[in-house]
Amino acid sequence: MNPQRMGKGMIALGWILALALLAWWFQGRLDAQRNPNRVPQVLMQDGRPGVVLLRNRAGHYVASGEINGVPVEFLIDTGATDVAVPEAIARRAGLPRGAPMRFRTANGVAQGWATRIDALRLGPLVLHGVRASINPGMAGNEVLLGMSFLRHLDFEQRGDRLVLRPRGD
Protein backbone atom coordinates (compact mmCIF):
# COMPACT_ATOMS: atom_id res chain seq x y z
CA MET A 1 0.00 0.00 0.00
CA ASN A 2 1.17 3.49 -0.81
CA PRO A 3 2.50 5.17 2.41
CA GLN A 4 1.34 8.60 1.26
CA ARG A 5 -2.20 7.32 0.68
CA MET A 6 -2.16 5.55 4.04
CA GLY A 7 -1.03 8.76 5.77
CA LYS A 8 -3.89 10.74 4.20
CA GLY A 9 -6.31 8.03 5.29
CA MET A 10 -5.04 8.22 8.88
CA ILE A 11 -5.40 12.02 8.87
CA ALA A 12 -8.96 11.73 7.54
CA LEU A 13 -9.75 9.09 10.18
CA GLY A 14 -8.34 11.37 12.89
CA TRP A 15 -10.55 14.25 11.75
CA ILE A 16 -13.62 12.03 11.64
CA LEU A 17 -12.90 10.77 15.15
CA ALA A 18 -12.33 14.32 16.45
CA LEU A 19 -15.60 15.55 14.89
CA ALA A 20 -17.51 12.56 16.31
CA LEU A 21 -16.13 13.25 19.80
CA LEU A 22 -17.04 16.93 19.55
CA ALA A 23 -20.57 16.06 18.38
CA TRP A 24 -20.94 13.62 21.30
CA TRP A 25 -19.70 16.24 23.78
CA PHE A 26 -21.97 18.98 22.44
CA GLN A 27 -24.98 16.64 22.41
CA GLY A 28 -24.36 15.90 26.09
CA ARG A 29 -24.19 19.63 26.84
CA LEU A 30 -27.42 20.28 24.91
CA ASP A 31 -29.17 17.43 26.76
CA ALA A 32 -28.01 18.86 30.10
CA GLN A 33 -29.35 22.30 29.12
CA ARG A 34 -32.69 20.79 28.07
CA ASN A 35 -32.98 18.70 31.26
CA PRO A 36 -30.82 20.13 34.06
CA ASN A 37 -32.66 17.83 36.51
CA ARG A 38 -31.54 14.39 35.35
CA VAL A 39 -30.96 13.62 39.02
CA PRO A 40 -33.35 15.91 40.91
CA GLN A 41 -31.82 17.64 43.92
CA VAL A 42 -33.32 16.35 47.19
CA LEU A 43 -34.25 18.80 49.91
CA MET A 44 -35.06 17.68 53.47
CA GLN A 45 -37.17 20.04 55.55
CA ASP A 46 -38.95 19.16 58.80
CA GLY A 47 -38.20 15.49 58.12
CA ARG A 48 -40.05 15.62 54.79
CA PRO A 49 -38.27 15.09 51.48
CA GLY A 50 -38.68 17.61 48.73
CA VAL A 51 -37.23 18.27 45.30
CA VAL A 52 -35.51 21.35 43.90
CA LEU A 53 -35.77 21.72 40.13
CA LEU A 54 -33.75 24.12 38.00
CA ARG A 55 -35.38 25.87 35.05
CA ASN A 56 -33.95 24.86 31.68
CA ARG A 57 -32.65 27.19 29.03
CA ALA A 58 -36.12 27.49 27.45
CA GLY A 59 -37.65 28.51 30.80
CA HIS A 60 -39.34 25.16 31.53
CA TYR A 61 -38.96 22.75 34.41
CA VAL A 62 -37.97 19.37 33.00
CA ALA A 63 -36.95 16.50 35.27
CA SER A 64 -36.21 12.80 35.08
CA GLY A 65 -38.47 10.42 36.99
CA GLU A 66 -40.35 7.15 36.70
CA ILE A 67 -43.80 5.84 35.88
CA ASN A 68 -44.32 2.31 37.20
CA GLY A 69 -40.54 1.90 37.36
CA VAL A 70 -40.00 3.02 33.73
CA PRO A 71 -37.62 6.01 33.36
CA VAL A 72 -39.31 9.06 31.81
CA GLU A 73 -38.82 12.79 31.47
CA PHE A 74 -41.44 15.06 33.01
CA LEU A 75 -42.34 18.56 31.89
CA ILE A 76 -44.01 20.40 34.78
CA ASP A 77 -47.31 21.74 33.43
CA THR A 78 -49.59 23.48 35.93
CA GLY A 79 -52.05 24.11 33.08
CA ALA A 80 -52.63 20.38 32.54
CA THR A 81 -55.47 18.84 34.56
CA ASP A 82 -54.00 15.35 34.53
CA VAL A 83 -50.65 13.74 33.97
CA ALA A 84 -50.59 13.35 30.16
CA VAL A 85 -48.65 10.36 28.87
CA PRO A 86 -47.69 9.73 25.23
CA GLU A 87 -49.00 6.38 24.00
CA ALA A 88 -45.54 4.86 23.46
CA ILE A 89 -44.55 5.58 27.08
CA ALA A 90 -47.93 4.30 28.32
CA ARG A 91 -47.26 0.97 26.60
CA ARG A 92 -43.76 0.68 28.12
CA ALA A 93 -45.12 1.52 31.57
CA GLY A 94 -47.98 -0.96 31.25
CA LEU A 95 -50.72 1.65 31.65
CA PRO A 96 -54.15 0.21 30.85
CA ARG A 97 -56.49 2.06 28.53
CA GLY A 98 -59.57 3.08 30.45
CA ALA A 99 -62.62 4.97 29.25
CA PRO A 100 -62.19 6.95 26.04
CA MET A 101 -61.98 10.68 26.65
CA ARG A 102 -61.57 13.97 24.83
CA PHE A 103 -59.41 16.75 26.16
CA ARG A 104 -58.36 20.20 25.11
CA THR A 105 -54.70 20.72 24.32
CA ALA A 106 -52.68 23.63 22.99
CA ASN A 107 -53.17 22.03 19.56
CA GLY A 108 -56.95 21.65 19.86
CA VAL A 109 -59.20 18.80 20.95
CA ALA A 110 -57.57 15.38 21.23
CA GLN A 111 -58.89 11.91 21.95
CA GLY A 112 -57.29 9.42 24.27
CA TRP A 113 -58.00 7.21 27.25
CA ALA A 114 -58.23 7.67 30.99
CA THR A 115 -55.79 5.63 33.08
CA ARG A 116 -54.21 5.39 36.53
CA ILE A 117 -50.50 5.30 37.26
CA ASP A 118 -49.65 2.78 39.97
CA ALA A 119 -46.47 4.59 41.05
CA LEU A 120 -45.18 7.96 39.86
CA ARG A 121 -41.74 8.98 41.15
CA LEU A 122 -39.99 12.34 40.99
CA GLY A 123 -36.84 12.08 43.09
CA PRO A 124 -37.94 11.04 46.59
CA LEU A 125 -41.57 12.02 45.89
CA VAL A 126 -43.73 9.00 45.11
CA LEU A 127 -47.50 8.99 44.62
CA HIS A 128 -49.69 5.96 43.96
CA GLY A 129 -52.91 5.75 41.95
CA VAL A 130 -52.33 9.01 40.08
CA ARG A 131 -55.05 9.95 37.58
CA ALA A 132 -53.65 10.30 34.08
CA SER A 133 -54.53 10.26 30.41
CA ILE A 134 -52.98 8.40 27.51
CA ASN A 135 -52.61 10.73 24.55
CA PRO A 136 -51.82 9.01 21.24
CA GLY A 137 -51.29 12.37 19.54
CA MET A 138 -48.49 13.54 21.83
CA ALA A 139 -45.20 13.75 20.03
CA GLY A 140 -41.91 13.30 21.80
CA ASN A 141 -40.90 11.50 24.93
CA GLU A 142 -41.98 13.97 27.60
CA VAL A 143 -44.77 13.30 30.05
CA LEU A 144 -46.75 16.39 31.07
CA LEU A 145 -46.77 16.40 34.86
CA GLY A 146 -50.15 17.99 35.49
CA MET A 147 -52.25 18.90 38.48
CA SER A 148 -53.45 15.36 39.26
CA PHE A 149 -49.90 14.92 40.64
CA LEU A 150 -48.99 18.51 41.55
CA ARG A 151 -52.10 19.16 43.69
CA HIS A 152 -50.65 16.80 46.29
CA LEU A 153 -47.59 19.04 46.65
CA ASP A 154 -46.73 22.50 47.85
CA PHE A 155 -44.61 24.29 45.29
CA GLU A 156 -42.68 27.50 45.48
CA GLN A 157 -40.78 29.23 42.70
CA ARG A 158 -37.84 31.51 43.43
CA GLY A 159 -35.83 32.75 40.49
CA ASP A 160 -34.84 29.78 38.35
CA ARG A 161 -35.69 27.20 41.04
CA LEU A 162 -38.91 25.35 41.76
CA VAL A 163 -39.24 23.60 45.12
CA LEU A 164 -41.77 20.76 45.40
CA ARG A 165 -42.70 19.32 48.82
CA PRO A 166 -45.41 16.97 50.05
CA ARG A 167 -48.37 18.86 51.43
CA GLY A 168 -48.22 19.35 55.17
CA ASP A 169 -52.03 19.08 55.65
C-alpha atoms as a PDB file:
ATOM      1  CA  MET A   1       0.000   0.000   0.000  1.00  0.00           C
ATOM      2  CA  ASN A   2       1.172   3.494  -0.806  1.00  0.00           C
ATOM      3  CA  PRO A   3       2.495   5.174   2.408  1.00  0.00           C
ATOM      4  CA  GLN A   4       1.343   8.605   1.261  1.00  0.00           C
ATOM      5  CA  ARG A   5      -2.204   7.319   0.682  1.00  0.00           C
ATOM      6  CA  MET A   6      -2.157   5.549   4.040  1.00  0.00           C
ATOM      7  CA  GLY A   7      -1.029   8.758   5.774  1.00  0.00           C
ATOM      8  CA  LYS A   8      -3.891  10.740   4.203  1.00  0.00           C
ATOM      9  CA  GLY A   9      -6.313   8.025   5.294  1.00  0.00           C
ATOM     10  CA  MET A  10      -5.043   8.225   8.884  1.00  0.00           C
ATOM     11  CA  ILE A  11      -5.396  12.021   8.872  1.00  0.00           C
ATOM     12  CA  ALA A  12      -8.959  11.728   7.544  1.00  0.00           C
ATOM     13  CA  LEU A  13      -9.751   9.091  10.176  1.00  0.00           C
ATOM     14  CA  GLY A  14      -8.341  11.372  12.894  1.00  0.00           C
ATOM     15  CA  TRP A  15     -10.553  14.253  11.754  1.00  0.00           C
ATOM     16  CA  ILE A  16     -13.622  12.029  11.637  1.00  0.00           C
ATOM     17  CA  LEU A  17     -12.895  10.768  15.145  1.00  0.00           C
ATOM     18  CA  ALA A  18     -12.326  14.323  16.448  1.00  0.00           C
ATOM     19  CA  LEU A  19     -15.603  15.548  14.892  1.00  0.00           C
ATOM     20  CA  ALA A  20     -17.509  12.558  16.311  1.00  0.00           C
ATOM     21  CA  LEU A  21     -16.129  13.246  19.805  1.00  0.00           C
ATOM     22  CA  LEU A  22     -17.036  16.933  19.548  1.00  0.00           C
ATOM     23  CA  ALA A  23     -20.573  16.063  18.381  1.00  0.00           C
ATOM     24  CA  TRP A  24     -20.944  13.617  21.296  1.00  0.00           C
ATOM     25  CA  TRP A  25     -19.696  16.235  23.780  1.00  0.00           C
ATOM     26  CA  PHE A  26     -21.970  18.984  22.436  1.00  0.00           C
ATOM     27  CA  GLN A  27     -24.981  16.642  22.414  1.00  0.00           C
ATOM     28  CA  GLY A  28     -24.358  15.903  26.087  1.00  0.00           C
ATOM     29  CA  ARG A  29     -24.186  19.629  26.835  1.00  0.00           C
ATOM     30  CA  LEU A  30     -27.418  20.279  24.912  1.00  0.00           C
ATOM     31  CA  ASP A  31     -29.171  17.433  26.765  1.00  0.00           C
ATOM     32  CA  ALA A  32     -28.011  18.860  30.101  1.00  0.00           C
ATOM     33  CA  GLN A  33     -29.345  22.298  29.123  1.00  0.00           C
ATOM     34  CA  ARG A  34     -32.693  20.786  28.072  1.00  0.00           C
ATOM     35  CA  ASN A  35     -32.980  18.700  31.263  1.00  0.00           C
ATOM     36  CA  PRO A  36     -30.825  20.135  34.059  1.00  0.00           C
ATOM     37  CA  ASN A  37     -32.656  17.834  36.507  1.00  0.00           C
ATOM     38  CA  ARG A  38     -31.538  14.391  35.354  1.00  0.00           C
ATOM     39  CA  VAL A  39     -30.957  13.621  39.019  1.00  0.00           C
ATOM     40  CA  PRO A  40     -33.351  15.914  40.906  1.00  0.00           C
ATOM     41  CA  GLN A  41     -31.818  17.644  43.922  1.00  0.00           C
ATOM     42  CA  VAL A  42     -33.319  16.350  47.186  1.00  0.00           C
ATOM     43  CA  LEU A  43     -34.246  18.799  49.912  1.00  0.00           C
ATOM     44  CA  MET A  44     -35.061  17.680  53.471  1.00  0.00           C
ATOM     45  CA  GLN A  45     -37.173  20.043  55.550  1.00  0.00           C
ATOM     46  CA  ASP A  46     -38.946  19.159  58.800  1.00  0.00           C
ATOM     47  CA  GLY A  47     -38.196  15.493  58.120  1.00  0.00           C
ATOM     48  CA  ARG A  48     -40.051  15.620  54.788  1.00  0.00           C
ATOM     49  CA  PRO A  49     -38.271  15.091  51.476  1.00  0.00           C
ATOM     50  CA  GLY A  50     -38.679  17.607  48.725  1.00  0.00           C
ATOM     51  CA  VAL A  51     -37.234  18.270  45.299  1.00  0.00           C
ATOM     52  CA  VAL A  52     -35.510  21.352  43.898  1.00  0.00           C
ATOM     53  CA  LEU A  53     -35.767  21.722  40.130  1.00  0.00           C
ATOM     54  CA  LEU A  54     -33.754  24.123  37.995  1.00  0.00           C
ATOM     55  CA  ARG A  55     -35.378  25.874  35.049  1.00  0.00           C
ATOM     56  CA  ASN A  56     -33.952  24.859  31.685  1.00  0.00           C
ATOM     57  CA  ARG A  57     -32.648  27.190  29.026  1.00  0.00           C
ATOM     58  CA  ALA A  58     -36.118  27.493  27.453  1.00  0.00           C
ATOM     59  CA  GLY A  59     -37.651  28.512  30.805  1.00  0.00           C
ATOM     60  CA  HIS A  60     -39.344  25.156  31.533  1.00  0.00           C
ATOM     61  CA  TYR A  61     -38.959  22.746  34.411  1.00  0.00           C
ATOM     62  CA  VAL A  62     -37.967  19.366  32.998  1.00  0.00           C
ATOM     63  CA  ALA A  63     -36.947  16.498  35.270  1.00  0.00           C
ATOM     64  CA  SER A  64     -36.210  12.798  35.080  1.00  0.00           C
ATOM     65  CA  GLY A  65     -38.466  10.425  36.991  1.00  0.00           C
ATOM     66  CA  GLU A  66     -40.349   7.152  36.697  1.00  0.00           C
ATOM     67  CA  ILE A  67     -43.797   5.843  35.882  1.00  0.00           C
ATOM     68  CA  ASN A  68     -44.324   2.314  37.199  1.00  0.00           C
ATOM     69  CA  GLY A  69     -40.535   1.898  37.357  1.00  0.00           C
ATOM     70  CA  VAL A  70     -40.000   3.019  33.733  1.00  0.00           C
ATOM     71  CA  PRO A  71     -37.624   6.009  33.361  1.00  0.00           C
ATOM     72  CA  VAL A  72     -39.311   9.061  31.813  1.00  0.00           C
ATOM     73  CA  GLU A  73     -38.822  12.795  31.472  1.00  0.00           C
ATOM     74  CA  PHE A  74     -41.438  15.056  33.009  1.00  0.00           C
ATOM     75  CA  LEU A  75     -42.340  18.557  31.891  1.00  0.00           C
ATOM     76  CA  ILE A  76     -44.007  20.397  34.784  1.00  0.00           C
ATOM     77  CA  ASP A  77     -47.313  21.745  33.430  1.00  0.00           C
ATOM     78  CA  THR A  78     -49.588  23.478  35.934  1.00  0.00           C
ATOM     79  CA  GLY A  79     -52.053  24.108  33.085  1.00  0.00           C
ATOM     80  CA  ALA A  80     -52.634  20.381  32.540  1.00  0.00           C
ATOM     81  CA  THR A  81     -55.469  18.843  34.560  1.00  0.00           C
ATOM     82  CA  ASP A  82     -53.999  15.345  34.531  1.00  0.00           C
ATOM     83  CA  VAL A  83     -50.646  13.740  33.967  1.00  0.00           C
ATOM     84  CA  ALA A  84     -50.594  13.353  30.164  1.00  0.00           C
ATOM     85  CA  VAL A  85     -48.648  10.355  28.867  1.00  0.00           C
ATOM     86  CA  PRO A  86     -47.687   9.732  25.225  1.00  0.00           C
ATOM     87  CA  GLU A  87     -49.000   6.382  23.997  1.00  0.00           C
ATOM     88  CA  ALA A  88     -45.538   4.857  23.463  1.00  0.00           C
ATOM     89  CA  ILE A  89     -44.550   5.575  27.078  1.00  0.00           C
ATOM     90  CA  ALA A  90     -47.926   4.304  28.324  1.00  0.00           C
ATOM     91  CA  ARG A  91     -47.259   0.967  26.598  1.00  0.00           C
ATOM     92  CA  ARG A  92     -43.759   0.682  28.121  1.00  0.00           C
ATOM     93  CA  ALA A  93     -45.119   1.522  31.573  1.00  0.00           C
ATOM     94  CA  GLY A  94     -47.979  -0.962  31.254  1.00  0.00           C
ATOM     95  CA  LEU A  95     -50.719   1.645  31.646  1.00  0.00           C
ATOM     96  CA  PRO A  96     -54.145   0.208  30.854  1.00  0.00           C
ATOM     97  CA  ARG A  97     -56.491   2.060  28.532  1.00  0.00           C
ATOM     98  CA  GLY A  98     -59.573   3.083  30.450  1.00  0.00           C
ATOM     99  CA  ALA A  99     -62.616   4.971  29.254  1.00  0.00           C
ATOM    100  CA  PRO A 100     -62.194   6.950  26.044  1.00  0.00           C
ATOM    101  CA  MET A 101     -61.982  10.679  26.646  1.00  0.00           C
ATOM    102  CA  ARG A 102     -61.573  13.972  24.831  1.00  0.00           C
ATOM    103  CA  PHE A 103     -59.413  16.752  26.163  1.00  0.00           C
ATOM    104  CA  ARG A 104     -58.356  20.198  25.114  1.00  0.00           C
ATOM    105  CA  THR A 105     -54.704  20.724  24.322  1.00  0.00           C
ATOM    106  CA  ALA A 106     -52.684  23.631  22.994  1.00  0.00           C
ATOM    107  CA  ASN A 107     -53.171  22.033  19.560  1.00  0.00           C
ATOM    108  CA  GLY A 108     -56.948  21.655  19.856  1.00  0.00           C
ATOM    109  CA  VAL A 109     -59.200  18.797  20.954  1.00  0.00           C
ATOM    110  CA  ALA A 110     -57.570  15.377  21.226  1.00  0.00           C
ATOM    111  CA  GLN A 111     -58.885  11.908  21.947  1.00  0.00           C
ATOM    112  CA  GLY A 112     -57.288   9.416  24.273  1.00  0.00           C
ATOM    113  CA  TRP A 113     -58.001   7.207  27.252  1.00  0.00           C
ATOM    114  CA  ALA A 114     -58.227   7.670  30.989  1.00  0.00           C
ATOM    115  CA  THR A 115     -55.788   5.628  33.075  1.00  0.00           C
ATOM    116  CA  ARG A 116     -54.212   5.395  36.526  1.00  0.00           C
ATOM    117  CA  ILE A 117     -50.498   5.299  37.264  1.00  0.00           C
ATOM    118  CA  ASP A 118     -49.654   2.779  39.969  1.00  0.00           C
ATOM    119  CA  ALA A 119     -46.468   4.592  41.050  1.00  0.00           C
ATOM    120  CA  LEU A 120     -45.179   7.965  39.858  1.00  0.00           C
ATOM    121  CA  ARG A 121     -41.737   8.977  41.149  1.00  0.00           C
ATOM    122  CA  LEU A 122     -39.986  12.339  40.986  1.00  0.00           C
ATOM    123  CA  GLY A 123     -36.839  12.081  43.090  1.00  0.00           C
ATOM    124  CA  PRO A 124     -37.944  11.035  46.591  1.00  0.00           C
ATOM    125  CA  LEU A 125     -41.573  12.023  45.888  1.00  0.00           C
ATOM    126  CA  VAL A 126     -43.734   8.996  45.112  1.00  0.00           C
ATOM    127  CA  LEU A 127     -47.498   8.986  44.622  1.00  0.00           C
ATOM    128  CA  HIS A 128     -49.694   5.961  43.961  1.00  0.00           C
ATOM    129  CA  GLY A 129     -52.908   5.750  41.953  1.00  0.00           C
ATOM    130  CA  VAL A 130     -52.333   9.008  40.076  1.00  0.00           C
ATOM    131  CA  ARG A 131     -55.053   9.954  37.585  1.00  0.00           C
ATOM    132  CA  ALA A 132     -53.648  10.302  34.075  1.00  0.00           C
ATOM    133  CA  SER A 133     -54.533  10.263  30.407  1.00  0.00           C
ATOM    134  CA  ILE A 134     -52.984   8.400  27.513  1.00  0.00           C
ATOM    135  CA  ASN A 135     -52.612  10.727  24.547  1.00  0.00           C
ATOM    136  CA  PRO A 136     -51.815   9.008  21.237  1.00  0.00           C
ATOM    137  CA  GLY A 137     -51.294  12.372  19.540  1.00  0.00           C
ATOM    138  CA  MET A 138     -48.493  13.540  21.831  1.00  0.00           C
ATOM    139  CA  ALA A 139     -45.200  13.749  20.026  1.00  0.00           C
ATOM    140  CA  GLY A 140     -41.905  13.302  21.796  1.00  0.00           C
ATOM    141  CA  ASN A 141     -40.897  11.497  24.934  1.00  0.00           C
ATOM    142  CA  GLU A 142     -41.982  13.969  27.603  1.00  0.00           C
ATOM    143  CA  VAL A 143     -44.773  13.297  30.053  1.00  0.00           C
ATOM    144  CA  LEU A 144     -46.748  16.392  31.071  1.00  0.00           C
ATOM    145  CA  LEU A 145     -46.774  16.399  34.860  1.00  0.00           C
ATOM    146  CA  GLY A 146     -50.155  17.994  35.488  1.00  0.00           C
ATOM    147  CA  MET A 147     -52.252  18.899  38.483  1.00  0.00           C
ATOM    148  CA  SER A 148     -53.448  15.363  39.263  1.00  0.00           C
ATOM    149  CA  PHE A 149     -49.902  14.923  40.645  1.00  0.00           C
ATOM    150  CA  LEU A 150     -48.987  18.509  41.551  1.00  0.00           C
ATOM    151  CA  ARG A 151     -52.097  19.158  43.691  1.00  0.00           C
ATOM    152  CA  HIS A 152     -50.649  16.803  46.291  1.00  0.00           C
ATOM    153  CA  LEU A 153     -47.594  19.044  46.653  1.00  0.00           C
ATOM    154  CA  ASP A 154     -46.728  22.497  47.849  1.00  0.00           C
ATOM    155  CA  PHE A 155     -44.615  24.295  45.290  1.00  0.00           C
ATOM    156  CA  GLU A 156     -42.677  27.497  45.477  1.00  0.00           C
ATOM    157  CA  GLN A 157     -40.782  29.234  42.704  1.00  0.00           C
ATOM    158  CA  ARG A 158     -37.838  31.508  43.428  1.00  0.00           C
ATOM    159  CA  GLY A 159     -35.834  32.752  40.493  1.00  0.00           C
ATOM    160  CA  ASP A 160     -34.845  29.783  38.351  1.00  0.00           C
ATOM    161  CA  ARG A 161     -35.692  27.204  41.044  1.00  0.00           C
ATOM    162  CA  LEU A 162     -38.913  25.352  41.756  1.00  0.00           C
ATOM    163  CA  VAL A 163     -39.242  23.602  45.122  1.00  0.00           C
ATOM    164  CA  LEU A 164     -41.774  20.761  45.404  1.00  0.00           C
ATOM    165  CA  ARG A 165     -42.695  19.315  48.819  1.00  0.00           C
ATOM    166  CA  PRO A 166     -45.413  16.965  50.051  1.00  0.00           C
ATOM    167  CA  ARG A 167     -48.373  18.859  51.435  1.00  0.00           C
ATOM    168  CA  GLY A 168     -48.222  19.350  55.170  1.00  0.00           C
ATOM    169  CA  ASP A 169     -52.027  19.081  55.653  1.00  0.00           C
END
